[in-house]
Amino acid sequence: MRELLLDLLLPETDRGAVIQIIMAMVFWAVVAVPARRWRREYQIFTLGLVMITFAWFGARMIH
């Protein structure tokens, strides 16, 4: 169990990285639903955080 949690936090395998991406997609989908009703600047800020998160994942895939 400890190894699985460590692999999810600091993935050394492709499986761990894919699980991290799926978890981030679910998290941001849950955040995006109520964000539609927020003020415009909060929506833009949230979108920026989403873009930073997935840009980081993209950079890690290249590495």
PDB file of N, CA and C in Angstrom:
ATOM      1  N   MET A   1       0.827  -1.189   0.000  1.00  0.00           N
ATOM      2  CA  MET A   1       0.000   0.000   0.000  1.00  0.00           C
ATOM      3  C   MET A   1       0.873   1.256   0.000  1.00  0.00           C
ATOM      4  N   ARG A   2       1.932   1.228   0.794  1.00  0.00           N
ATOM      5  CA  ARG A   2       2.834   2.379   0.870  1.00  0.00           C
ATOM      6  C   ARG A   2       3.508   2.633  -0.475  1.00  0.00           C
ATOM      7  N   GLU A   3       3.888   1.544  -1.156  1.00  0.00           N
ATOM      8  CA  GLU A   3       4.538   1.687  -2.460  1.00  0.00           C
ATOM      9  C   GLU A   3       3.591   2.282  -3.495  1.00  0.00           C
ATOM     10  N   LEU A   4       2.311   1.895  -3.452  1.00  0.00           N
ATOM     11  CA  LEU A   4       1.331   2.431  -4.385  1.00  0.00           C
ATOM     12  C   LEU A   4       1.136   3.923  -4.164  1.00  0.00           C
ATOM     13  N   LEU A   5       1.018   4.344  -2.912  1.00  0.00           N
ATOM     14  CA  LEU A   5       0.853   5.767  -2.612  1.00  0.00           C
ATOM     15  C   LEU A   5       2.092   6.563  -3.020  1.00  0.00           C
ATOM     16  N   LEU A   6       3.258   6.001  -2.767  1.00  0.00           N
ATOM     17  CA  LEU A   6       4.497   6.675  -3.160  1.00  0.00           C
ATOM     18  C   LEU A   6       4.598   6.784  -4.677  1.00  0.00           C
ATOM     19  N   ASP A   7       4.155   5.747  -5.385  1.00  0.00           N
ATOM     20  CA  ASP A   7       4.179   5.783  -6.845  1.00  0.00           C
ATOM     21  C   ASP A   7       3.191   6.809  -7.391  1.00  0.00           C
ATOM     22  N   LEU A   8       2.092   7.045  -6.683  1.00  0.00           N
ATOM     23  CA  LEU A   8       1.130   8.047  -7.135  1.00  0.00           C
ATOM     24  C   LEU A   8       1.626   9.468  -6.871  1.00  0.00           C
ATOM     25  N   LEU A   9       2.314   9.672  -5.755  1.00  0.00           N
ATOM     26  CA  LEU A   9       2.826  11.000  -5.432  1.00  0.00           C
ATOM     27  C   LEU A   9       4.068  11.351  -6.243  1.00  0.00           C
ATOM     28  N   LEU A  10       4.965  10.401  -6.376  1.00  0.00           N
ATOM     29  CA  LEU A  10       6.214  10.606  -7.118  1.00  0.00           C
ATOM     30  C   LEU A  10       6.384   9.446  -8.104  1.00  0.00           C
ATOM     31  N   PRO A  11       5.661   9.493  -9.213  1.00  0.00           N
ATOM     32  CA  PRO A  11       5.653   8.335 -10.102  1.00  0.00           C
ATOM     33  C   PRO A  11       6.993   8.090 -10.781  1.00  0.00           C
ATOM     34  N   GLU A  12       7.384   6.836 -10.746  1.00  0.00           N
ATOM     35  CA  GLU A  12       8.572   6.405 -11.477  1.00  0.00           C
ATOM     36  C   GLU A  12       8.176   5.558 -12.676  1.00  0.00           C
ATOM     37  N   THR A  13       6.894   5.213 -12.749  1.00  0.00           N
ATOM     38  CA  THR A  13       6.413   4.380 -13.837  1.00  0.00           C
ATOM     39  C   THR A  13       5.369   5.145 -14.643  1.00  0.00           C
ATOM     40  N   ASP A  14       5.109   4.653 -15.837  1.00  0.00           N
ATOM     41  CA  ASP A  14       4.075   5.260 -16.673  1.00  0.00           C
ATOM     42  C   ASP A  14       2.702   5.111 -16.040  1.00  0.00           C
ATOM     43  N   ARG A  15       2.485   4.009 -15.364  1.00  0.00           N
ATOM     44  CA  ARG A  15       1.189   3.771 -14.724  1.00  0.00           C
ATOM     45  C   ARG A  15       0.890   4.852 -13.695  1.00  0.00           C
ATOM     46  N   GLY A  16       1.855   5.193 -12.885  1.00  0.00           N
ATOM     47  CA  GLY A  16       1.668   6.228 -11.877  1.00  0.00           C
ATOM     48  C   GLY A  16       1.402   7.586 -12.497  1.00  0.00           C
ATOM     49  N   ALA A  17       2.105   7.894 -13.575  1.00  0.00           N
ATOM     50  CA  ALA A  17       1.901   9.179 -14.252  1.00  0.00           C
ATOM     51  C   ALA A  17       0.514   9.254 -14.879  1.00  0.00           C
ATOM     52  N   VAL A  18       0.061   8.155 -15.469  1.00  0.00           N
ATOM     53  CA  VAL A  18      -1.272   8.140 -16.079  1.00  0.00           C
ATOM     54  C   VAL A  18      -2.346   8.299 -15.004  1.00  0.00           C
ATOM     55  N   ILE A  19      -2.160   7.659 -13.873  1.00  0.00           N
ATOM     56  CA  ILE A  19      -3.122   7.791 -12.778  1.00  0.00           C
ATOM     57  C   ILE A  19      -3.151   9.235 -12.279  1.00  0.00           C
ATOM     58  N   GLN A  20      -1.992   9.881 -12.196  1.00  0.00           N
ATOM     59  CA  GLN A  20      -1.946  11.292 -11.794  1.00  0.00           C
ATOM     60  C   GLN A  20      -2.709  12.173 -12.772  1.00  0.00           C
ATOM     61  N   ILE A  21      -2.542  11.929 -14.054  1.00  0.00           N
ATOM     62  CA  ILE A  21      -3.239  12.731 -15.061  1.00  0.00           C
ATOM     63  C   ILE A  21      -4.743  12.518 -14.968  1.00  0.00           C
ATOM     64  N   ILE A  22      -5.170  11.278 -14.793  1.00  0.00           N
ATOM     65  CA  ILE A  22      -6.600  10.991 -14.670  1.00  0.00           C
ATOM     66  C   ILE A  22      -7.176  11.657 -13.428  1.00  0.00           C
ATOM     67  N   MET A  23      -6.438  11.603 -12.324  1.00  0.00           N
ATOM     68  CA  MET A  23      -6.918  12.245 -11.099  1.00  0.00           C
ATOM     69  C   MET A  23      -7.011  13.761 -11.282  1.00  0.00           C
ATOM     70  N   ALA A  24      -6.063  14.363 -11.978  1.00  0.00           N
ATOM     71  CA  ALA A  24      -6.103  15.802 -12.230  1.00  0.00           C
ATOM     72  C   ALA A  24      -7.278  16.157 -13.129  1.00  0.00           C
ATOM     73  N   MET A  25      -7.547  15.323 -14.136  1.00  0.00           N
ATOM     74  CA  MET A  25      -8.681  15.586 -15.014  1.00  0.00           C
ATOM     75  C   MET A  25      -9.999  15.538 -14.249  1.00  0.00           C
ATOM     76  N   VAL A  26     -10.132  14.563 -13.372  1.00  0.00           N
ATOM     77  CA  VAL A  26     -11.353  14.462 -12.562  1.00  0.00           C
ATOM     78  C   VAL A  26     -11.468  15.663 -11.630  1.00  0.00           C
ATOM     79  N   PHE A  27     -10.378  16.015 -10.969  1.00  0.00           N
ATOM     80  CA  PHE A  27     -10.392  17.156 -10.061  1.00  0.00           C
ATOM     81  C   PHE A  27     -10.803  18.430 -10.781  1.00  0.00           C
ATOM     82  N   TRP A  28     -10.171  18.712 -11.931  1.00  0.00           N
ATOM     83  CA  TRP A  28     -10.474  19.953 -12.639  1.00  0.00           C
ATOM     84  C   TRP A  28     -11.868  19.932 -13.249  1.00  0.00           C
ATOM     85  N   ALA A  29     -12.370  18.761 -13.601  1.00  0.00           N
ATOM     86  CA  ALA A  29     -13.753  18.681 -14.089  1.00  0.00           C
ATOM     87  C   ALA A  29     -14.726  19.039 -12.973  1.00  0.00           C
ATOM     88  N   VAL A  30     -14.452  18.563 -11.770  1.00  0.00           N
ATOM     89  CA  VAL A  30     -15.309  18.881 -10.621  1.00  0.00           C
ATOM     90  C   VAL A  30     -15.241  20.371 -10.301  1.00  0.00           C
ATOM     91  N   VAL A  31     -14.087  20.978 -10.430  1.00  0.00           N
ATOM     92  CA  VAL A  31     -13.943  22.412 -10.166  1.00  0.00           C
ATOM     93  C   VAL A  31     -14.596  23.241 -11.273  1.00  0.00           C
ATOM     94  N   ALA A  32     -14.540  22.764 -12.512  1.00  0.00           N
ATOM     95  CA  ALA A  32     -15.050  23.537 -13.649  1.00  0.00           C
ATOM     96  C   ALA A  32     -16.567  23.696 -13.620  1.00  0.00           C
ATOM     97  N   VAL A  33     -17.267  22.744 -13.057  1.00  0.00           N
ATOM     98  CA  VAL A  33     -18.736  22.836 -13.047  1.00  0.00           C
ATOM     99  C   VAL A  33     -19.221  24.053 -12.249  1.00  0.00           C
ATOM    100  N   PRO A  34     -18.816  24.230 -10.997  1.00  0.00           N
ATOM    101  CA  PRO A  34     -19.273  25.438 -10.301  1.00  0.00           C
ATOM    102  C   PRO A  34     -18.596  26.714 -10.809  1.00  0.00           C
ATOM    103  N   ALA A  35     -17.449  26.588 -11.457  1.00  0.00           N
ATOM    104  CA  ALA A  35     -16.724  27.767 -11.945  1.00  0.00           C
ATOM    105  C   ALA A  35     -17.499  28.497 -13.039  1.00  0.00           C
ATOM    106  N   ARG A  36     -18.434  27.813 -13.680  1.00  0.00           N
ATOM    107  CA  ARG A  36     -19.223  28.479 -14.725  1.00  0.00           C
ATOM    108  C   ARG A  36     -20.055  29.620 -14.160  1.00  0.00           C
ATOM    109  N   ARG A  37     -20.383  29.561 -12.874  1.00  0.00           N
ATOM    110  CA  ARG A  37     -21.210  30.596 -12.258  1.00  0.00           C
ATOM    111  C   ARG A  37     -20.399  31.656 -11.531  1.00  0.00           C
ATOM    112  N   TRP A  38     -19.079  31.515 -11.508  1.00  0.00           N
ATOM    113  CA  TRP A  38     -18.227  32.475 -10.813  1.00  0.00           C
ATOM    114  C   TRP A  38     -18.032  33.722 -11.659  1.00  0.00           C
ATOM    115  N   ARG A  39     -17.455  34.738 -11.032  1.00  0.00           N
ATOM    116  CA  ARG A  39     -17.127  35.962 -11.774  1.00  0.00           C
ATOM    117  C   ARG A  39     -16.055  35.659 -12.812  1.00  0.00           C
ATOM    118  N   ARG A  40     -16.003  36.502 -13.831  1.00  0.00           N
ATOM    119  CA  ARG A  40     -15.133  36.257 -14.983  1.00  0.00           C
ATOM    120  C   ARG A  40     -13.654  36.118 -14.597  1.00  0.00           C
ATOM    121  N   GLU A  41     -13.175  36.966 -13.689  1.00  0.00           N
ATOM    122  CA  GLU A  41     -11.751  36.893 -13.331  1.00  0.00           C
ATOM    123  C   GLU A  41     -11.415  35.591 -12.601  1.00  0.00           C
ATOM    124  N   TYR A  42     -12.351  35.047 -11.834  1.00  0.00           N
ATOM    125  CA  TYR A  42     -12.127  33.760 -11.177  1.00  0.00           C
ATOM    126  C   TYR A  42     -12.126  32.624 -12.193  1.00  0.00           C
ATOM    127  N   GLN A  43     -12.957  32.741 -13.204  1.00  0.00           N
ATOM    128  CA  GLN A  43     -12.969  31.734 -14.267  1.00  0.00           C
ATOM    129  C   GLN A  43     -11.632  31.727 -15.006  1.00  0.00           C
ATOM    130  N   ILE A  44     -11.116  32.913 -15.315  1.00  0.00           N
ATOM    131  CA  ILE A  44      -9.837  33.007 -16.021  1.00  0.00           C
ATOM    132  C   ILE A  44      -8.703  32.473 -15.147  1.00  0.00           C
ATOM    133  N   PHE A  45      -8.740  32.789 -13.850  1.00  0.00           N
ATOM    134  CA  PHE A  45      -7.720  32.283 -12.928  1.00  0.00           C
ATOM    135  C   PHE A  45      -7.758  30.759 -12.867  1.00  0.00           C
ATOM    136  N   THR A  46      -8.958  30.195 -12.777  1.00  0.00           N
ATOM    137  CA  THR A  46      -9.110  28.741 -12.729  1.00  0.00           C
ATOM    138  C   THR A  46      -8.605  28.108 -14.018  1.00  0.00           C
ATOM    139  N   LEU A  47      -8.948  28.690 -15.151  1.00  0.00           N
ATOM    140  CA  LEU A  47      -8.468  28.177 -16.432  1.00  0.00           C
ATOM    141  C   LEU A  47      -6.943  28.228 -16.502  1.00  0.00           C
ATOM    142  N   GLY A  48      -6.355  29.275 -15.964  1.00  0.00           N
ATOM    143  CA  GLY A  48      -4.896  29.364 -15.917  1.00  0.00           C
ATOM    144  C   GLY A  48      -4.273  28.260 -15.085  1.00  0.00           C
ATOM    145  N   LEU A  49      -4.884  27.952 -13.951  1.00  0.00           N
ATOM    146  CA  LEU A  49      -4.375  26.849 -13.123  1.00  0.00           C
ATOM    147  C   LEU A  49      -4.478  25.512 -13.848  1.00  0.00           C
ATOM    148  N   VAL A  50      -5.572  25.324 -14.567  1.00  0.00           N
ATOM    149  CA  VAL A  50      -5.742  24.096 -15.351  1.00  0.00           C
ATOM    150  C   VAL A  50      -4.646  24.003 -16.409  1.00  0.00           C
ATOM    151  N   MET A  51      -4.401  25.098 -17.100  1.00  0.00           N
ATOM    152  CA  MET A  51      -3.382  25.096 -18.152  1.00  0.00           C
ATOM    153  C   MET A  51      -1.987  24.848 -17.589  1.00  0.00           C
ATOM    154  N   ILE A  52      -1.690  25.438 -16.441  1.00  0.00           N
ATOM    155  CA  ILE A  52      -0.381  25.208 -15.812  1.00  0.00           C
ATOM    156  C   ILE A  52      -0.226  23.745 -15.416  1.00  0.00           C
ATOM    157  N   THR A  53      -1.282  23.169 -14.866  1.00  0.00           N
ATOM    158  CA  THR A  53      -1.234  21.767 -14.440  1.00  0.00           C
ATOM    159  C   THR A  53      -0.933  20.848 -15.618  1.00  0.00           C
ATOM    160  N   PHE A  54      -1.669  21.020 -16.715  1.00  0.00           N
ATOM    161  CA  PHE A  54      -1.480  20.118 -17.840  1.00  0.00           C
ATOM    162  C   PHE A  54      -0.228  20.446 -18.646  1.00  0.00           C
ATOM    163  N   ALA A  55       0.235  21.685 -18.606  1.00  0.00           N
ATOM    164  CA  ALA A  55       1.525  22.008 -19.221  1.00  0.00           C
ATOM    165  C   ALA A  55       2.657  21.323 -18.453  1.00  0.00           C
ATOM    166  N   TRP A  56       2.526  21.271 -17.145  1.00  0.00           N
ATOM    167  CA  TRP A  56       3.515  20.579 -16.314  1.00  0.00           C
ATOM    168  C   TRP A  56       3.527  19.090 -16.653  1.00  0.00           C
ATOM    169  N   PHE A  57       2.348  18.484 -16.812  1.00  0.00           N
ATOM    170  CA  PHE A  57       2.289  17.082 -17.199  1.00  0.00           C
ATOM    171  C   PHE A  57       2.920  16.878 -18.580  1.00  0.00           C
ATOM    172  N   GLY A  58       2.669  17.805 -19.502  1.00  0.00           N
ATOM    173  CA  GLY A  58       3.251  17.698 -20.835  1.00  0.00           C
ATOM    174  C   GLY A  58       4.771  17.789 -20.793  1.00  0.00           C
ATOM    175  N   ALA A  59       5.284  18.692 -19.982  1.00  0.00           N
ATOM    176  CA  ALA A  59       6.742  18.822 -19.844  1.00  0.00           C
ATOM    177  C   ALA A  59       7.358  17.568 -19.235  1.00  0.00           C
ATOM    178  N   ARG A  60       6.644  16.978 -18.295  1.00  0.00           N
ATOM    179  CA  ARG A  60       7.147  15.742 -17.690  1.00  0.00           C
ATOM    180  C   ARG A  60       7.151  14.588 -18.681  1.00  0.00           C
ATOM    181  N   MET A  61       6.184  14.566 -19.604  1.00  0.00           N
ATOM    182  CA  MET A  61       6.144  13.487 -20.605  1.00  0.00           C
ATOM    183  C   MET A  61       7.336  13.581 -21.528  1.00  0.00           C
ATOM    184  N   ILE A  62       7.770  14.804 -21.853  1.00  0.00           N
ATOM    185  CA  ILE A  62       8.929  14.969 -22.727  1.00  0.00           C
ATOM    186  C   ILE A  62      10.191  14.481 -22.026  1.00  0.00           C
ATOM    187  N   HIS A  63      10.275  14.745 -20.744  1.00  0.00           N
ATOM    188  CA  HIS A  63      11.460  14.366 -19.976  1.00  0.00           C
ATOM    189  C   HIS A  63      11.512  12.866 -19.857  1.00  0.00           C
TER     190      HIS A  63
END
